[in-house]
Amino acid sequence: MYVRVMQVDCPKRESGDERRLAIARAARAIIVERGLEGLRTRDIAARVGINIATLHYHVPSKEALVALVAQSLKEEFRDQGMRRPREGRTGLELLRMEIEDVIETLFEAPDRLSIMAELIERSRRDPSIAAIIRPMTGHWRQMLADIFALGVRDGTLRADLDPQAAAHIFLGTVAGWRSSHPDRSEIEAAFSEIERAFKAPASKGD
């Protein structure tokens, strides 16, 4: 006797990485809406469509949740930086690429900087969050300092430029926009002034 077996389409099960990504996205959306103080595990679970037990399996603590959010930001910043090759660029060219990346983030993914600002502010009074966030901000600051140092060496940036101080100026400028929300022309004008201040003066033959 021939029995026909019906094929039933089963919903695809999410992998652990996909589930953690969904949790990170839900947490980030809530941070943007309500700030870090308004982050509640039950709200994250509801947005992802899972129960609290499943959420705690993936993020068993507040520190694990913050680390997951921070990791998602770190990966997005890394992916943004990898879209265009950096190898063989001068210090000035790399500075301009960093400026372009910041402008892109401000207008195409503004939640990244607002969430970073929220985590940085909370880290001032929460050592566990500071332990997660400070390495990220420190890495960005050092990367900028390395760019400025390269520019000094290759002659495209001022010979007397202090790389660490220049990195602080750059980051301080970006931090100020998290709350003031200037328009694009104001941001581009500010970055033009930063470039002019750091750029090596043109030689008489140029």
N, C-alpha and C. Protein backbone atom coordinates (compact mmCIF):
# COMPACT_ATOMS: atom_id res chain seq x y z
N MET A 1 0.86 -1.19 0.00
CA MET A 1 0.00 0.00 0.00
C MET A 1 0.89 1.24 0.00
N TYR A 2 0.55 2.19 -0.87
CA TYR A 2 1.34 3.42 -0.99
C TYR A 2 0.73 4.49 -0.10
N VAL A 3 1.51 5.00 0.76
CA VAL A 3 1.04 6.07 1.64
C VAL A 3 1.81 7.34 1.31
N ARG A 4 1.09 8.38 0.98
CA ARG A 4 1.75 9.65 0.66
C ARG A 4 2.02 10.41 1.96
N VAL A 5 3.26 10.79 2.11
CA VAL A 5 3.64 11.54 3.30
C VAL A 5 3.64 13.01 2.95
N MET A 6 2.85 13.77 3.65
CA MET A 6 2.78 15.22 3.41
C MET A 6 3.97 15.91 4.06
N GLN A 7 4.56 16.83 3.31
CA GLN A 7 5.69 17.59 3.84
C GLN A 7 5.16 18.86 4.49
N VAL A 8 5.51 19.03 5.70
CA VAL A 8 5.04 20.20 6.44
C VAL A 8 6.21 21.15 6.63
N ASP A 9 6.00 22.41 6.26
CA ASP A 9 7.05 23.42 6.45
C ASP A 9 7.09 23.81 7.91
N CYS A 10 8.24 23.62 8.52
CA CYS A 10 8.41 23.97 9.92
C CYS A 10 9.12 25.32 10.01
N PRO A 11 8.70 26.14 10.96
CA PRO A 11 9.39 27.43 11.11
C PRO A 11 10.86 27.23 11.45
N LYS A 12 11.67 28.08 10.86
CA LYS A 12 13.10 27.99 11.10
C LYS A 12 13.42 28.39 12.53
N ARG A 13 14.22 27.59 13.20
CA ARG A 13 14.64 27.91 14.56
C ARG A 13 15.80 28.88 14.53
N GLU A 14 15.71 29.88 15.39
CA GLU A 14 16.79 30.85 15.47
C GLU A 14 18.02 30.23 16.11
N SER A 15 19.17 30.60 15.60
CA SER A 15 20.40 30.18 16.24
C SER A 15 20.64 31.04 17.47
N GLY A 16 21.61 30.60 18.28
CA GLY A 16 21.92 31.38 19.47
C GLY A 16 22.40 32.78 19.12
N ASP A 17 23.20 32.89 18.05
CA ASP A 17 23.69 34.20 17.63
C ASP A 17 22.54 35.09 17.16
N GLU A 18 21.60 34.52 16.42
CA GLU A 18 20.45 35.30 15.96
C GLU A 18 19.60 35.76 17.13
N ARG A 19 19.42 34.90 18.11
CA ARG A 19 18.62 35.27 19.29
C ARG A 19 19.31 36.39 20.07
N ARG A 20 20.62 36.28 20.25
CA ARG A 20 21.35 37.34 20.97
C ARG A 20 21.31 38.66 20.21
N LEU A 21 21.36 38.59 18.88
CA LEU A 21 21.27 39.81 18.08
C LEU A 21 19.90 40.46 18.26
N ALA A 22 18.85 39.65 18.28
CA ALA A 22 17.50 40.18 18.49
C ALA A 22 17.38 40.81 19.87
N ILE A 23 17.98 40.19 20.87
CA ILE A 23 17.96 40.75 22.23
C ILE A 23 18.70 42.09 22.26
N ALA A 24 19.85 42.14 21.62
CA ALA A 24 20.63 43.38 21.58
C ALA A 24 19.84 44.50 20.90
N ARG A 25 19.18 44.18 19.80
CA ARG A 25 18.40 45.19 19.08
C ARG A 25 17.24 45.69 19.93
N ALA A 26 16.56 44.79 20.61
CA ALA A 26 15.44 45.19 21.47
C ALA A 26 15.93 46.06 22.62
N ALA A 27 17.03 45.67 23.23
CA ALA A 27 17.59 46.45 24.33
C ALA A 27 18.00 47.84 23.85
N ARG A 28 18.61 47.92 22.70
CA ARG A 28 19.03 49.21 22.16
C ARG A 28 17.84 50.11 21.89
N ALA A 29 16.77 49.55 21.35
CA ALA A 29 15.57 50.35 21.07
C ALA A 29 15.00 50.92 22.36
N ILE A 30 14.99 50.12 23.41
CA ILE A 30 14.46 50.59 24.69
C ILE A 30 15.36 51.66 25.30
N ILE A 31 16.68 51.50 25.17
CA ILE A 31 17.61 52.51 25.69
C ILE A 31 17.38 53.84 24.99
N VAL A 32 17.17 53.81 23.68
CA VAL A 32 16.91 55.04 22.93
C VAL A 32 15.61 55.69 23.38
N GLU A 33 14.58 54.87 23.64
CA GLU A 33 13.28 55.39 24.02
C GLU A 33 13.23 55.89 25.46
N ARG A 34 13.84 55.13 26.39
CA ARG A 34 13.64 55.39 27.82
C ARG A 34 14.93 55.62 28.60
N GLY A 35 16.06 55.46 27.94
CA GLY A 35 17.31 55.54 28.66
C GLY A 35 17.64 54.23 29.35
N LEU A 36 18.83 54.15 29.87
CA LEU A 36 19.28 52.92 30.52
C LEU A 36 18.47 52.60 31.76
N GLU A 37 17.99 53.64 32.42
CA GLU A 37 17.19 53.41 33.64
C GLU A 37 15.87 52.72 33.31
N GLY A 38 15.38 52.89 32.09
CA GLY A 38 14.11 52.27 31.72
C GLY A 38 14.24 50.89 31.11
N LEU A 39 15.44 50.33 31.15
CA LEU A 39 15.67 49.01 30.55
C LEU A 39 15.19 47.92 31.50
N ARG A 40 14.19 47.16 31.08
CA ARG A 40 13.62 46.09 31.89
C ARG A 40 13.65 44.78 31.09
N THR A 41 14.06 43.70 31.77
CA THR A 41 14.18 42.43 31.07
C THR A 41 12.85 41.94 30.51
N ARG A 42 11.77 42.19 31.24
CA ARG A 42 10.47 41.71 30.74
C ARG A 42 10.07 42.43 29.45
N ASP A 43 10.47 43.71 29.31
CA ASP A 43 10.15 44.45 28.09
C ASP A 43 11.00 43.94 26.92
N ILE A 44 12.24 43.60 27.21
CA ILE A 44 13.10 43.04 26.15
C ILE A 44 12.54 41.71 25.69
N ALA A 45 12.18 40.85 26.65
CA ALA A 45 11.65 39.53 26.31
C ALA A 45 10.38 39.66 25.48
N ALA A 46 9.52 40.61 25.84
CA ALA A 46 8.26 40.80 25.10
C ALA A 46 8.54 41.23 23.66
N ARG A 47 9.51 42.11 23.47
CA ARG A 47 9.81 42.58 22.11
C ARG A 47 10.42 41.48 21.26
N VAL A 48 11.23 40.65 21.87
CA VAL A 48 11.86 39.56 21.12
C VAL A 48 10.89 38.40 20.90
N GLY A 49 9.89 38.29 21.79
CA GLY A 49 8.94 37.19 21.70
C GLY A 49 9.41 35.93 22.38
N ILE A 50 10.11 36.11 23.50
CA ILE A 50 10.60 34.97 24.28
C ILE A 50 10.20 35.15 25.73
N ASN A 51 10.35 34.09 26.53
CA ASN A 51 10.04 34.23 27.94
C ASN A 51 11.28 34.67 28.71
N ILE A 52 11.07 35.06 29.96
CA ILE A 52 12.17 35.57 30.78
C ILE A 52 13.27 34.53 30.97
N ALA A 53 12.87 33.27 31.12
CA ALA A 53 13.87 32.21 31.32
C ALA A 53 14.81 32.11 30.12
N THR A 54 14.24 32.19 28.92
CA THR A 54 15.07 32.13 27.72
C THR A 54 15.99 33.34 27.62
N LEU A 55 15.45 34.51 27.98
CA LEU A 55 16.27 35.72 27.97
C LEU A 55 17.46 35.58 28.92
N HIS A 56 17.18 35.07 30.13
CA HIS A 56 18.24 34.92 31.12
C HIS A 56 19.25 33.83 30.74
N TYR A 57 18.83 32.92 29.90
CA TYR A 57 19.77 31.91 29.40
C TYR A 57 20.87 32.58 28.56
N HIS A 58 20.44 33.55 27.75
CA HIS A 58 21.39 34.23 26.87
C HIS A 58 22.11 35.38 27.57
N VAL A 59 21.41 36.10 28.45
CA VAL A 59 22.02 37.22 29.18
C VAL A 59 21.65 37.07 30.66
N PRO A 60 22.44 36.33 31.41
CA PRO A 60 22.08 35.99 32.79
C PRO A 60 22.20 37.14 33.79
N SER A 61 22.75 38.28 33.37
CA SER A 61 22.94 39.39 34.32
C SER A 61 22.86 40.72 33.59
N LYS A 62 22.77 41.80 34.38
CA LYS A 62 22.76 43.14 33.79
C LYS A 62 24.07 43.38 33.04
N GLU A 63 25.18 42.94 33.63
CA GLU A 63 26.47 43.12 32.99
C GLU A 63 26.53 42.41 31.64
N ALA A 64 25.96 41.20 31.59
CA ALA A 64 25.95 40.45 30.33
C ALA A 64 25.10 41.15 29.28
N LEU A 65 24.00 41.77 29.70
CA LEU A 65 23.14 42.49 28.76
C LEU A 65 23.85 43.72 28.22
N VAL A 66 24.48 44.49 29.11
CA VAL A 66 25.22 45.68 28.67
C VAL A 66 26.37 45.28 27.75
N ALA A 67 27.06 44.18 28.10
CA ALA A 67 28.16 43.70 27.26
C ALA A 67 27.66 43.30 25.88
N LEU A 68 26.47 42.70 25.81
CA LEU A 68 25.90 42.31 24.53
C LEU A 68 25.57 43.55 23.68
N VAL A 69 24.99 44.56 24.31
CA VAL A 69 24.69 45.81 23.60
C VAL A 69 25.98 46.46 23.12
N ALA A 70 26.97 46.52 24.01
CA ALA A 70 28.26 47.13 23.64
C ALA A 70 28.92 46.37 22.49
N GLN A 71 28.85 45.06 22.53
CA GLN A 71 29.44 44.24 21.46
C GLN A 71 28.75 44.50 20.13
N SER A 72 27.43 44.68 20.15
CA SER A 72 26.71 44.96 18.91
C SER A 72 27.13 46.31 18.33
N LEU A 73 27.36 47.30 19.19
CA LEU A 73 27.85 48.60 18.73
C LEU A 73 29.26 48.47 18.15
N LYS A 74 30.10 47.75 18.87
CA LYS A 74 31.48 47.56 18.45
C LYS A 74 31.54 46.91 17.07
N GLU A 75 30.71 45.91 16.83
CA GLU A 75 30.71 45.22 15.55
C GLU A 75 30.23 46.14 14.42
N GLU A 76 29.25 46.99 14.71
CA GLU A 76 28.76 47.91 13.69
C GLU A 76 29.82 48.97 13.34
N PHE A 77 30.49 49.50 14.36
CA PHE A 77 31.57 50.45 14.09
C PHE A 77 32.70 49.79 13.30
N ARG A 78 33.01 48.54 13.66
CA ARG A 78 34.06 47.81 12.94
C ARG A 78 33.67 47.58 11.49
N ASP A 79 32.42 47.15 11.27
CA ASP A 79 31.97 46.90 9.90
C ASP A 79 31.98 48.18 9.08
N GLN A 80 31.61 49.29 9.70
CA GLN A 80 31.64 50.57 9.01
C GLN A 80 33.06 50.92 8.57
N GLY A 81 34.00 50.71 9.48
CA GLY A 81 35.39 51.03 9.17
C GLY A 81 36.00 50.14 8.11
N MET A 82 35.47 48.92 7.96
CA MET A 82 36.03 47.97 7.00
C MET A 82 35.46 48.13 5.60
N ARG A 83 34.45 48.98 5.44
CA ARG A 83 33.86 49.14 4.11
C ARG A 83 34.83 49.76 3.11
N ARG A 84 35.74 50.59 3.62
CA ARG A 84 36.72 51.23 2.75
C ARG A 84 38.12 50.90 3.26
N PRO A 85 39.02 50.51 2.37
CA PRO A 85 40.37 50.13 2.82
C PRO A 85 41.11 51.31 3.41
N ARG A 86 41.82 51.05 4.50
CA ARG A 86 42.61 52.07 5.17
C ARG A 86 44.10 51.96 4.86
N GLU A 87 44.51 50.82 4.35
CA GLU A 87 45.93 50.58 4.14
C GLU A 87 46.53 51.57 3.15
N GLY A 88 47.72 52.05 3.48
CA GLY A 88 48.44 52.94 2.58
C GLY A 88 47.97 54.37 2.57
N ARG A 89 47.01 54.71 3.43
CA ARG A 89 46.49 56.08 3.47
C ARG A 89 47.37 56.97 4.34
N THR A 90 47.38 58.26 4.01
CA THR A 90 48.11 59.20 4.84
C THR A 90 47.30 59.53 6.09
N GLY A 91 47.94 60.18 7.05
CA GLY A 91 47.22 60.58 8.25
C GLY A 91 46.07 61.49 7.94
N LEU A 92 46.24 62.44 7.04
CA LEU A 92 45.17 63.35 6.66
C LEU A 92 44.02 62.61 5.99
N GLU A 93 44.34 61.67 5.12
CA GLU A 93 43.29 60.89 4.46
C GLU A 93 42.51 60.07 5.47
N LEU A 94 43.19 59.46 6.43
CA LEU A 94 42.50 58.68 7.46
C LEU A 94 41.63 59.57 8.34
N LEU A 95 42.11 60.77 8.64
CA LEU A 95 41.30 61.71 9.42
C LEU A 95 40.03 62.05 8.67
N ARG A 96 40.14 62.30 7.39
CA ARG A 96 38.95 62.61 6.59
C ARG A 96 37.98 61.42 6.55
N MET A 97 38.51 60.21 6.53
CA MET A 97 37.65 59.02 6.53
C MET A 97 36.92 58.89 7.87
N GLU A 98 37.62 59.21 8.96
CA GLU A 98 36.97 59.18 10.27
C GLU A 98 35.85 60.22 10.32
N ILE A 99 36.10 61.39 9.78
CA ILE A 99 35.07 62.43 9.74
C ILE A 99 33.86 61.96 8.95
N GLU A 100 34.10 61.35 7.79
CA GLU A 100 33.00 60.83 6.97
C GLU A 100 32.21 59.76 7.72
N ASP A 101 32.91 58.90 8.47
CA ASP A 101 32.23 57.85 9.23
C ASP A 101 31.36 58.44 10.33
N VAL A 102 31.86 59.47 11.01
CA VAL A 102 31.07 60.11 12.07
C VAL A 102 29.82 60.76 11.49
N ILE A 103 29.96 61.47 10.39
CA ILE A 103 28.81 62.13 9.76
C ILE A 103 27.79 61.08 9.32
N GLU A 104 28.27 59.98 8.74
CA GLU A 104 27.37 58.90 8.34
C GLU A 104 26.61 58.35 9.55
N THR A 105 27.32 58.13 10.64
CA THR A 105 26.68 57.60 11.85
C THR A 105 25.65 58.56 12.40
N LEU A 106 25.99 59.84 12.44
CA LEU A 106 25.08 60.84 13.01
C LEU A 106 23.75 60.90 12.26
N PHE A 107 23.79 60.69 10.95
CA PHE A 107 22.58 60.87 10.16
C PHE A 107 21.93 59.58 9.69
N GLU A 108 22.68 58.48 9.69
CA GLU A 108 22.10 57.22 9.22
C GLU A 108 21.91 56.22 10.35
N ALA A 109 22.65 56.35 11.44
CA ALA A 109 22.51 55.43 12.58
C ALA A 109 22.72 56.21 13.88
N PRO A 110 21.90 57.23 14.13
CA PRO A 110 22.11 58.09 15.30
C PRO A 110 21.98 57.36 16.63
N ASP A 111 21.29 56.21 16.65
CA ASP A 111 21.12 55.48 17.91
C ASP A 111 22.46 55.01 18.47
N ARG A 112 23.44 54.77 17.59
CA ARG A 112 24.74 54.28 18.07
C ARG A 112 25.36 55.27 19.06
N LEU A 113 25.41 56.54 18.66
CA LEU A 113 26.05 57.53 19.51
C LEU A 113 25.21 57.84 20.74
N SER A 114 23.88 57.83 20.60
CA SER A 114 23.04 58.12 21.76
C SER A 114 23.15 57.00 22.80
N ILE A 115 23.25 55.76 22.34
CA ILE A 115 23.41 54.64 23.27
C ILE A 115 24.78 54.69 23.92
N MET A 116 25.82 54.98 23.13
CA MET A 116 27.16 55.13 23.69
C MET A 116 27.17 56.20 24.76
N ALA A 117 26.51 57.35 24.50
CA ALA A 117 26.47 58.43 25.47
C ALA A 117 25.78 57.98 26.75
N GLU A 118 24.71 57.20 26.61
CA GLU A 118 23.98 56.69 27.77
C GLU A 118 24.87 55.76 28.59
N LEU A 119 25.57 54.88 27.92
CA LEU A 119 26.43 53.94 28.63
C LEU A 119 27.63 54.64 29.28
N ILE A 120 28.19 55.62 28.58
CA ILE A 120 29.32 56.37 29.16
C ILE A 120 28.89 57.12 30.40
N GLU A 121 27.71 57.75 30.34
CA GLU A 121 27.22 58.48 31.51
C GLU A 121 26.99 57.54 32.68
N ARG A 122 26.39 56.39 32.42
CA ARG A 122 26.12 55.43 33.49
C ARG A 122 27.43 54.84 34.05
N SER A 123 28.44 54.73 33.20
CA SER A 123 29.71 54.14 33.64
C SER A 123 30.41 54.98 34.70
N ARG A 124 30.06 56.26 34.77
CA ARG A 124 30.69 57.14 35.76
C ARG A 124 30.30 56.76 37.19
N ARG A 125 29.17 56.07 37.34
CA ARG A 125 28.74 55.68 38.68
C ARG A 125 28.52 54.18 38.82
N ASP A 126 28.81 53.43 37.76
CA ASP A 126 28.62 51.99 37.81
C ASP A 126 29.90 51.31 37.31
N PRO A 127 30.75 50.83 38.21
CA PRO A 127 32.03 50.23 37.81
C PRO A 127 31.89 49.05 36.85
N SER A 128 30.81 48.29 36.98
CA SER A 128 30.64 47.13 36.10
C SER A 128 30.43 47.56 34.65
N ILE A 129 29.70 48.66 34.46
CA ILE A 129 29.50 49.17 33.10
C ILE A 129 30.77 49.86 32.62
N ALA A 130 31.45 50.55 33.52
CA ALA A 130 32.72 51.20 33.16
C ALA A 130 33.72 50.18 32.63
N ALA A 131 33.73 48.99 33.23
CA ALA A 131 34.67 47.96 32.81
C ALA A 131 34.39 47.48 31.39
N ILE A 132 33.15 47.64 30.94
CA ILE A 132 32.77 47.23 29.59
C ILE A 132 32.98 48.35 28.58
N ILE A 133 32.63 49.58 28.96
CA ILE A 133 32.61 50.69 28.02
C ILE A 133 33.97 51.36 27.86
N ARG A 134 34.70 51.50 28.94
CA ARG A 134 35.98 52.23 28.84
C ARG A 134 36.97 51.62 27.85
N PRO A 135 37.07 50.30 27.75
CA PRO A 135 37.96 49.77 26.70
C PRO A 135 37.53 50.17 25.29
N MET A 136 36.22 50.29 25.05
CA MET A 136 35.73 50.71 23.73
C MET A 136 36.11 52.15 23.44
N THR A 137 35.82 53.05 24.40
CA THR A 137 36.14 54.46 24.18
C THR A 137 37.65 54.67 24.13
N GLY A 138 38.37 53.90 24.95
CA GLY A 138 39.82 54.00 24.93
C GLY A 138 40.41 53.55 23.61
N HIS A 139 39.83 52.51 23.02
CA HIS A 139 40.30 52.02 21.73
C HIS A 139 40.10 53.07 20.65
N TRP A 140 38.92 53.72 20.63
CA TRP A 140 38.64 54.74 19.62
C TRP A 140 39.60 55.93 19.80
N ARG A 141 39.80 56.35 21.05
CA ARG A 141 40.70 57.47 21.31
C ARG A 141 42.12 57.14 20.85
N GLN A 142 42.59 55.94 21.13
CA GLN A 142 43.94 55.56 20.73
C GLN A 142 44.06 55.42 19.21
N MET A 143 43.01 54.92 18.57
CA MET A 143 43.03 54.81 17.12
C MET A 143 43.15 56.19 16.48
N LEU A 144 42.41 57.17 17.03
CA LEU A 144 42.51 58.54 16.53
C LEU A 144 43.91 59.11 16.78
N ALA A 145 44.44 58.86 17.98
CA ALA A 145 45.79 59.34 18.30
C ALA A 145 46.81 58.75 17.34
N ASP A 146 46.63 57.47 16.98
CA ASP A 146 47.55 56.83 16.03
C ASP A 146 47.45 57.49 14.65
N ILE A 147 46.22 57.88 14.26
CA ILE A 147 46.04 58.57 12.98
C ILE A 147 46.77 59.90 13.00
N PHE A 148 46.61 60.65 14.09
CA PHE A 148 47.28 61.94 14.18
C PHE A 148 48.81 61.77 14.21
N ALA A 149 49.28 60.75 14.90
CA ALA A 149 50.73 60.49 14.94
C ALA A 149 51.26 60.15 13.56
N LEU A 150 50.49 59.36 12.80
CA LEU A 150 50.89 59.03 11.44
C LEU A 150 50.97 60.29 10.59
N GLY A 151 49.98 61.16 10.74
CA GLY A 151 49.97 62.39 9.97
C GLY A 151 51.16 63.29 10.27
N VAL A 152 51.58 63.29 11.55
CA VAL A 152 52.78 64.04 11.92
C VAL A 152 54.00 63.44 11.22
N ARG A 153 54.09 62.11 11.22
CA ARG A 153 55.25 61.45 10.61
C ARG A 153 55.29 61.63 9.10
N ASP A 154 54.14 61.54 8.45
CA ASP A 154 54.16 61.61 6.99
C ASP A 154 54.05 63.05 6.46
N GLY A 155 53.93 64.02 7.37
CA GLY A 155 53.95 65.42 6.97
C GLY A 155 52.63 65.99 6.51
N THR A 156 51.53 65.21 6.60
CA THR A 156 50.24 65.74 6.17
C THR A 156 49.53 66.50 7.28
N LEU A 157 49.95 66.28 8.53
CA LEU A 157 49.40 67.02 9.67
C LEU A 157 50.53 67.81 10.32
N ARG A 158 50.18 68.79 11.13
CA ARG A 158 51.16 69.69 11.73
C ARG A 158 52.26 68.94 12.47
N ALA A 159 53.49 69.38 12.30
CA ALA A 159 54.63 68.71 12.93
C ALA A 159 54.60 68.83 14.44
N ASP A 160 53.99 69.92 14.97
CA ASP A 160 53.95 70.12 16.42
C ASP A 160 52.64 69.65 17.05
N LEU A 161 51.85 68.87 16.31
CA LEU A 161 50.56 68.39 16.81
C LEU A 161 50.75 67.36 17.91
N ASP A 162 49.99 67.48 18.99
CA ASP A 162 49.98 66.49 20.07
C ASP A 162 48.89 65.46 19.74
N PRO A 163 49.24 64.24 19.35
CA PRO A 163 48.24 63.26 18.91
C PRO A 163 47.16 62.96 19.95
N GLN A 164 47.56 62.80 21.22
CA GLN A 164 46.57 62.48 22.25
C GLN A 164 45.62 63.65 22.48
N ALA A 165 46.16 64.86 22.52
CA ALA A 165 45.30 66.04 22.71
C ALA A 165 44.36 66.21 21.52
N ALA A 166 44.87 65.98 20.30
CA ALA A 166 44.03 66.09 19.11
C ALA A 166 42.89 65.07 19.15
N ALA A 167 43.18 63.85 19.63
CA ALA A 167 42.14 62.83 19.73
C ALA A 167 41.06 63.26 20.71
N HIS A 168 41.45 63.87 21.83
CA HIS A 168 40.47 64.35 22.81
C HIS A 168 39.61 65.47 22.21
N ILE A 169 40.21 66.35 21.44
CA ILE A 169 39.45 67.43 20.80
C ILE A 169 38.42 66.85 19.84
N PHE A 170 38.84 65.88 19.04
CA PHE A 170 37.95 65.24 18.06
C PHE A 170 36.76 64.60 18.79
N LEU A 171 37.06 63.78 19.80
CA LEU A 171 36.00 63.07 20.53
C LEU A 171 35.11 64.03 21.30
N GLY A 172 35.70 65.09 21.87
CA GLY A 172 34.89 66.07 22.59
C GLY A 172 33.91 66.78 21.68
N THR A 173 34.33 67.04 20.46
CA THR A 173 33.44 67.67 19.48
C THR A 173 32.27 66.76 19.16
N VAL A 174 32.57 65.48 18.92
CA VAL A 174 31.50 64.52 18.62
C VAL A 174 30.55 64.37 19.80
N ALA A 175 31.10 64.31 21.01
CA ALA A 175 30.27 64.15 22.21
C ALA A 175 29.30 65.31 22.37
N GLY A 176 29.72 66.52 22.00
CA GLY A 176 28.84 67.68 22.13
C GLY A 176 27.62 67.61 21.25
N TRP A 177 27.68 66.86 20.17
CA TRP A 177 26.55 66.76 19.24
C TRP A 177 25.50 65.77 19.69
N ARG A 178 25.80 64.96 20.70
CA ARG A 178 24.81 63.97 21.15
C ARG A 178 23.58 64.63 21.73
N SER A 179 23.75 65.82 22.28
CA SER A 179 22.60 66.51 22.89
C SER A 179 22.17 67.74 22.10
N SER A 180 23.09 68.37 21.35
CA SER A 180 22.74 69.61 20.64
C SER A 180 22.06 69.37 19.29
N HIS A 181 22.33 68.25 18.66
CA HIS A 181 21.72 67.86 17.38
C HIS A 181 21.83 68.96 16.30
N PRO A 182 23.03 69.39 15.95
CA PRO A 182 23.18 70.40 14.90
C PRO A 182 22.83 69.82 13.54
N ASP A 183 22.59 70.71 12.57
CA ASP A 183 22.30 70.19 11.23
C ASP A 183 23.61 69.84 10.52
N ARG A 184 23.46 69.22 9.37
CA ARG A 184 24.63 68.69 8.67
C ARG A 184 25.64 69.78 8.30
N SER A 185 25.15 70.94 7.87
CA SER A 185 26.06 72.01 7.46
C SER A 185 26.90 72.48 8.64
N GLU A 186 26.32 72.54 9.83
CA GLU A 186 27.08 72.95 11.02
C GLU A 186 28.16 71.93 11.36
N ILE A 187 27.81 70.65 11.25
CA ILE A 187 28.77 69.60 11.54
C ILE A 187 29.92 69.62 10.54
N GLU A 188 29.60 69.74 9.27
CA GLU A 188 30.64 69.78 8.24
C GLU A 188 31.54 71.00 8.42
N ALA A 189 30.94 72.14 8.81
CA ALA A 189 31.74 73.35 9.04
C ALA A 189 32.69 73.15 10.23
N ALA A 190 32.21 72.51 11.29
CA ALA A 190 33.05 72.27 12.46
C ALA A 190 34.21 71.34 12.11
N PHE A 191 33.93 70.29 11.36
CA PHE A 191 34.99 69.36 10.96
C PHE A 191 35.98 70.03 10.01
N SER A 192 35.51 70.95 9.18
CA SER A 192 36.42 71.69 8.30
C SER A 192 37.40 72.51 9.12
N GLU A 193 36.90 73.10 10.22
CA GLU A 193 37.78 73.88 11.09
C GLU A 193 38.79 72.98 11.79
N ILE A 194 38.33 71.79 12.22
CA ILE A 194 39.25 70.83 12.86
C ILE A 194 40.35 70.42 11.88
N GLU A 195 39.95 70.11 10.65
CA GLU A 195 40.95 69.72 9.65
C GLU A 195 41.93 70.87 9.40
N ARG A 196 41.41 72.09 9.30
CA ARG A 196 42.28 73.23 9.04
C ARG A 196 43.26 73.45 10.18
N ALA A 197 42.80 73.21 11.42
CA ALA A 197 43.66 73.41 12.59
C ALA A 197 44.76 72.35 12.68
N PHE A 198 44.47 71.13 12.21
CA PHE A 198 45.42 70.04 12.34
C PHE A 198 46.30 69.84 11.11
N LYS A 199 45.85 70.32 9.96
CA LYS A 199 46.55 70.07 8.72
C LYS A 199 47.88 70.80 8.67
N ALA A 200 48.86 70.16 8.06
CA ALA A 200 50.18 70.79 7.89
C ALA A 200 50.04 71.99 6.97
N PRO A 201 50.72 73.10 7.29
CA PRO A 201 50.63 74.28 6.42
C PRO A 201 51.22 73.97 5.06
N ALA A 202 50.62 74.56 4.05
CA ALA A 202 51.10 74.34 2.68
C ALA A 202 52.47 74.99 2.51
N SER A 203 53.32 74.32 1.79
CA SER A 203 54.64 74.89 1.51
C SER A 203 54.51 76.00 0.49
N LYS A 204 55.51 76.85 0.40
CA LYS A 204 55.46 77.99 -0.49
C LYS A 204 55.36 77.56 -1.95
N GLY A 205 55.84 76.37 -2.24
CA GLY A 205 55.79 75.91 -3.63
C GLY A 205 54.43 75.35 -4.03
N ASP A 206 53.52 75.11 -3.05
CA ASP A 206 52.22 74.52 -3.36
C ASP A 206 51.26 75.56 -3.89
